[in-house]
């Protein structure tokens, strides 16, 4: 049940984060920007997963 609440919130925050990166770092090369986005997204996903594993 909580997945129906958490997943859209996380997806929306990730979309806002993508817009922020694209606006804030327009001079960054495309592969570097994509790697930056993936790394930060993966770290956030791991932290959220660990939070749910140990908090419940």
N, C-alpha and C. Protein backbone atom coordinates (compact mmCIF):
# COMPACT_ATOMS: atom_id res chain seq x y z
N UNK A 1 0.83 -1.21 0.00
CA UNK A 1 0.00 0.00 0.00
C UNK A 1 0.86 1.26 0.00
N UNK A 2 1.89 1.26 0.86
CA UNK A 2 2.73 2.46 0.92
C UNK A 2 3.50 2.68 -0.36
N UNK A 3 3.69 1.60 -1.16
CA UNK A 3 4.37 1.77 -2.45
C UNK A 3 3.58 2.69 -3.37
N UNK A 4 2.25 2.62 -3.29
CA UNK A 4 1.41 3.47 -4.13
C UNK A 4 1.58 4.94 -3.78
N UNK A 5 2.03 5.22 -2.58
CA UNK A 5 2.26 6.60 -2.16
C UNK A 5 3.70 7.02 -2.42
N UNK A 6 4.65 6.13 -2.10
CA UNK A 6 6.06 6.49 -2.16
C UNK A 6 6.57 6.60 -3.59
N UNK A 7 6.19 5.66 -4.46
CA UNK A 7 6.75 5.63 -5.82
C UNK A 7 6.44 6.91 -6.60
N UNK A 8 5.19 7.41 -6.62
CA UNK A 8 4.95 8.67 -7.34
C UNK A 8 5.70 9.85 -6.75
N UNK A 9 5.84 9.88 -5.42
CA UNK A 9 6.58 10.98 -4.78
C UNK A 9 8.04 10.94 -5.20
N UNK A 10 8.64 9.75 -5.16
CA UNK A 10 10.04 9.60 -5.56
C UNK A 10 10.22 9.95 -7.03
N UNK A 11 9.30 9.50 -7.88
CA UNK A 11 9.38 9.80 -9.31
C UNK A 11 9.27 11.31 -9.55
N UNK A 12 8.38 11.97 -8.84
CA UNK A 12 8.22 13.42 -8.99
C UNK A 12 9.48 14.15 -8.53
N UNK A 13 10.03 13.73 -7.39
CA UNK A 13 11.26 14.36 -6.90
C UNK A 13 12.41 14.14 -7.87
N UNK A 14 12.48 12.95 -8.48
CA UNK A 14 13.54 12.67 -9.45
C UNK A 14 13.37 13.54 -10.70
N UNK A 15 12.12 13.75 -11.11
CA UNK A 15 11.86 14.64 -12.25
C UNK A 15 12.27 16.07 -11.95
N UNK A 16 11.96 16.54 -10.74
CA UNK A 16 12.38 17.89 -10.34
C UNK A 16 13.90 17.98 -10.31
N UNK A 17 14.54 16.92 -9.80
CA UNK A 17 16.00 16.88 -9.75
C UNK A 17 16.60 16.92 -11.16
N UNK A 18 16.01 16.18 -12.10
CA UNK A 18 16.50 16.20 -13.48
C UNK A 18 16.40 17.60 -14.07
N UNK A 19 15.28 18.27 -13.86
CA UNK A 19 15.12 19.63 -14.36
C UNK A 19 16.17 20.55 -13.74
N UNK A 20 16.42 20.38 -12.45
CA UNK A 20 17.41 21.21 -11.75
C UNK A 20 18.80 21.02 -12.36
N UNK A 21 19.17 19.76 -12.61
CA UNK A 21 20.50 19.49 -13.18
C UNK A 21 20.60 20.08 -14.58
N UNK A 22 19.56 19.90 -15.39
CA UNK A 22 19.61 20.39 -16.77
C UNK A 22 19.68 21.91 -16.81
N UNK A 23 19.04 22.59 -15.87
CA UNK A 23 19.06 24.05 -15.85
C UNK A 23 20.34 24.57 -15.21
N UNK A 24 20.80 23.92 -14.14
CA UNK A 24 21.94 24.44 -13.39
C UNK A 24 23.27 24.16 -14.08
N UNK A 25 23.37 23.04 -14.78
CA UNK A 25 24.64 22.67 -15.42
C UNK A 25 24.46 22.51 -16.93
N UNK A 26 24.07 23.58 -17.63
CA UNK A 26 23.88 23.42 -19.09
C UNK A 26 25.20 23.23 -19.83
N UNK A 27 26.31 23.68 -19.22
CA UNK A 27 27.60 23.59 -19.91
C UNK A 27 28.25 22.23 -19.74
N UNK A 28 27.71 21.38 -18.87
CA UNK A 28 28.28 20.05 -18.64
C UNK A 28 28.07 19.19 -19.89
N UNK A 29 29.10 18.42 -20.26
CA UNK A 29 28.96 17.55 -21.43
C UNK A 29 27.90 16.49 -21.15
N UNK A 30 27.29 15.99 -22.22
CA UNK A 30 26.16 15.08 -22.08
C UNK A 30 26.52 13.79 -21.33
N UNK A 31 27.61 13.08 -21.68
CA UNK A 31 27.91 11.85 -20.92
C UNK A 31 28.19 12.12 -19.45
N UNK A 32 28.89 13.20 -19.16
CA UNK A 32 29.19 13.53 -17.76
C UNK A 32 27.90 13.85 -17.01
N UNK A 33 27.02 14.59 -17.65
CA UNK A 33 25.74 14.94 -17.01
C UNK A 33 24.91 13.68 -16.76
N UNK A 34 24.87 12.78 -17.76
CA UNK A 34 24.10 11.56 -17.60
C UNK A 34 24.67 10.70 -16.48
N UNK A 35 26.00 10.60 -16.41
CA UNK A 35 26.63 9.83 -15.34
C UNK A 35 26.32 10.45 -13.98
N UNK A 36 26.38 11.77 -13.90
CA UNK A 36 26.06 12.50 -12.67
C UNK A 36 24.63 12.19 -12.23
N UNK A 37 23.69 12.24 -13.18
CA UNK A 37 22.28 11.97 -12.88
C UNK A 37 22.11 10.54 -12.39
N UNK A 38 22.74 9.59 -13.08
CA UNK A 38 22.59 8.18 -12.70
C UNK A 38 23.19 7.90 -11.33
N UNK A 39 24.37 8.47 -11.07
CA UNK A 39 25.05 8.20 -9.79
C UNK A 39 24.22 8.75 -8.63
N UNK A 40 23.78 10.00 -8.74
CA UNK A 40 22.99 10.59 -7.65
C UNK A 40 21.66 9.85 -7.50
N UNK A 41 21.03 9.49 -8.61
CA UNK A 41 19.78 8.74 -8.55
C UNK A 41 19.96 7.38 -7.89
N UNK A 42 21.05 6.69 -8.23
CA UNK A 42 21.31 5.37 -7.64
C UNK A 42 21.58 5.49 -6.15
N UNK A 43 22.35 6.49 -5.75
CA UNK A 43 22.63 6.70 -4.33
C UNK A 43 21.33 6.99 -3.57
N UNK A 44 20.48 7.83 -4.14
CA UNK A 44 19.21 8.15 -3.49
C UNK A 44 18.34 6.90 -3.37
N UNK A 45 18.31 6.08 -4.41
CA UNK A 45 17.50 4.86 -4.38
C UNK A 45 18.01 3.89 -3.31
N UNK A 46 19.33 3.76 -3.20
CA UNK A 46 19.90 2.88 -2.17
C UNK A 46 19.56 3.39 -0.78
N UNK A 47 19.68 4.71 -0.57
CA UNK A 47 19.37 5.27 0.75
C UNK A 47 17.90 5.07 1.11
N UNK A 48 17.00 5.27 0.15
CA UNK A 48 15.58 5.07 0.41
C UNK A 48 15.30 3.61 0.73
N UNK A 49 15.92 2.69 -0.04
CA UNK A 49 15.72 1.26 0.20
C UNK A 49 16.22 0.86 1.58
N UNK A 50 17.40 1.33 1.96
CA UNK A 50 17.94 1.01 3.28
C UNK A 50 17.06 1.57 4.39
N UNK A 51 16.53 2.77 4.16
CA UNK A 51 15.65 3.37 5.15
C UNK A 51 14.42 2.49 5.39
N UNK A 52 13.83 1.98 4.29
CA UNK A 52 12.64 1.15 4.45
C UNK A 52 12.98 -0.22 5.01
N UNK A 53 14.18 -0.73 4.70
CA UNK A 53 14.56 -2.04 5.23
C UNK A 53 14.75 -1.99 6.74
N UNK A 54 15.40 -0.94 7.24
CA UNK A 54 15.76 -0.90 8.65
C UNK A 54 14.75 -0.15 9.52
N UNK A 55 13.89 0.65 8.91
CA UNK A 55 12.94 1.42 9.71
C UNK A 55 11.65 0.63 9.97
N UNK A 56 11.44 -0.44 9.23
CA UNK A 56 10.19 -1.19 9.39
C UNK A 56 10.40 -2.43 10.22
